[in-house]
Amino acid sequence: MVNSEISQALVKAAALVRGAWCRGSLARDGKGRVTDVGSPKGVRFCPLGAMMKVCGDNPDLYKAVRDSFFRHTGYYPHEWNDGFAKNGRDCSDKLKEIAALIE
């Protein structure tokens, strides 16, 4: 996997969580109900859900993006989100920070 692909996916995931972040599930609909990441009703995402959404049907890219987050934080995205993130901006900033480090 090329670093630029991983970096671009992280930046796209950052954009998803910046304005529409959630905690405790991968994705939520407009009313805050848990939904599937691939559902068109999904409008709020945790970092891991955003990565899944951005990577779509490319499991190799998803694994590379998720593992990059782990290498730079020591946590998987959902662990970091549920344990340390304060808000969507915090998540977005962390994803962009990692993207810049691997670019």
Protein backbone atom coordinates (compact mmCIF):
# COMPACT_ATOMS: atom_id res chain seq x y z
CA MET A 1 0.00 0.00 0.00
CA VAL A 2 1.36 3.42 -0.97
CA ASN A 3 1.69 5.99 1.82
CA SER A 4 -0.13 8.62 -0.22
CA GLU A 5 -3.22 6.38 -0.44
CA ILE A 6 -3.18 5.85 3.31
CA SER A 7 -2.68 9.55 3.94
CA GLN A 8 -5.55 10.51 1.62
CA ALA A 9 -7.87 8.03 3.30
CA LEU A 10 -6.98 9.47 6.72
CA VAL A 11 -7.70 13.01 5.50
CA LYS A 12 -11.07 11.90 4.10
CA ALA A 13 -11.91 10.14 7.38
CA ALA A 14 -10.93 13.33 9.23
CA ALA A 15 -13.42 15.31 7.16
CA LEU A 16 -16.21 12.85 8.01
CA VAL A 17 -15.69 13.02 11.77
CA ARG A 18 -14.97 16.74 12.00
CA GLY A 19 -18.57 17.85 11.72
CA ALA A 20 -20.38 14.60 12.40
CA TRP A 21 -18.67 12.63 15.16
CA CYS A 22 -19.98 9.88 17.40
CA ARG A 23 -18.77 7.70 20.22
CA GLY A 24 -19.75 4.19 21.27
CA SER A 25 -20.64 2.94 17.78
CA LEU A 26 -19.17 2.99 14.31
CA ALA A 27 -21.97 5.06 12.82
CA ARG A 28 -25.20 6.79 13.77
CA ASP A 29 -28.08 8.21 11.78
CA GLY A 30 -29.42 11.76 11.94
CA LYS A 31 -31.43 10.92 15.07
CA GLY A 32 -28.44 9.45 16.89
CA ARG A 33 -29.47 5.82 16.41
CA VAL A 34 -26.81 3.21 15.71
CA THR A 35 -26.66 2.26 12.03
CA ASP A 36 -24.38 0.41 9.65
CA VAL A 37 -21.33 2.24 8.31
CA GLY A 38 -22.43 1.49 4.74
CA SER A 39 -26.00 2.66 5.27
CA PRO A 40 -27.04 5.83 3.47
CA LYS A 41 -28.65 6.82 6.78
CA GLY A 42 -25.21 6.96 8.44
CA VAL A 43 -24.28 10.60 8.97
CA ARG A 44 -22.13 10.52 12.13
CA PHE A 45 -19.02 8.39 12.48
CA CYS A 46 -16.35 7.45 14.97
CA PRO A 47 -12.82 7.42 13.52
CA LEU A 48 -12.91 3.67 12.86
CA GLY A 49 -16.32 3.94 11.20
CA ALA A 50 -15.07 6.83 9.08
CA MET A 51 -12.08 4.75 7.99
CA MET A 52 -14.40 1.88 7.05
CA LYS A 53 -16.67 4.26 5.11
CA VAL A 54 -13.78 5.89 3.23
CA CYS A 55 -12.05 2.61 2.38
CA GLY A 56 -15.25 0.95 1.20
CA ASP A 57 -14.59 -2.40 -0.41
CA ASN A 58 -10.81 -2.16 -0.16
CA PRO A 59 -9.85 -4.27 2.87
CA ASP A 60 -6.12 -3.81 2.29
CA LEU A 61 -6.45 -0.03 2.41
CA TYR A 62 -8.66 -0.23 5.50
CA LYS A 63 -6.15 -2.43 7.32
CA ALA A 64 -3.27 -0.13 6.36
CA VAL A 65 -5.16 2.98 7.54
CA ARG A 66 -6.26 1.36 10.82
CA ASP A 67 -2.77 0.00 11.48
CA SER A 68 -1.21 3.41 10.77
CA PHE A 69 -3.41 4.91 13.46
CA PHE A 70 -2.31 2.20 15.89
CA ARG A 71 1.39 2.65 15.09
CA HIS A 72 1.20 6.38 15.79
CA THR A 73 -1.02 6.34 18.88
CA GLY A 74 -0.61 2.91 20.46
CA TYR A 75 -4.40 2.50 20.30
CA TYR A 76 -6.89 1.26 17.75
CA PRO A 77 -9.15 4.07 16.52
CA HIS A 78 -12.23 3.01 18.50
CA GLU A 79 -10.17 2.67 21.71
CA TRP A 80 -8.66 6.12 21.26
CA ASN A 81 -12.02 7.66 20.34
CA ASP A 82 -13.91 6.20 23.29
CA GLY A 83 -11.10 6.76 25.80
CA PHE A 84 -9.32 9.97 24.86
CA ALA A 85 -11.15 12.01 22.22
CA LYS A 86 -12.97 15.10 23.43
CA ASN A 87 -14.98 15.84 20.29
CA GLY A 88 -15.06 15.55 16.51
CA ARG A 89 -12.45 18.24 16.06
CA ASP A 90 -10.09 16.34 18.33
CA CYS A 91 -10.58 13.18 16.23
CA SER A 92 -10.23 15.04 12.98
CA ASP A 93 -7.03 16.72 14.12
CA LYS A 94 -5.52 13.38 15.20
CA LEU A 95 -6.35 11.76 11.85
CA LYS A 96 -4.83 14.70 9.94
CA GLU A 97 -1.76 14.66 12.19
CA ILE A 98 -1.15 10.99 11.38
CA ALA A 99 -1.78 11.62 7.66
CA ALA A 100 0.91 14.31 7.66
CA LEU A 101 3.39 12.03 9.43
CA ILE A 102 3.09 9.24 6.88
CA GLU A 103 2.84 11.34 3.72
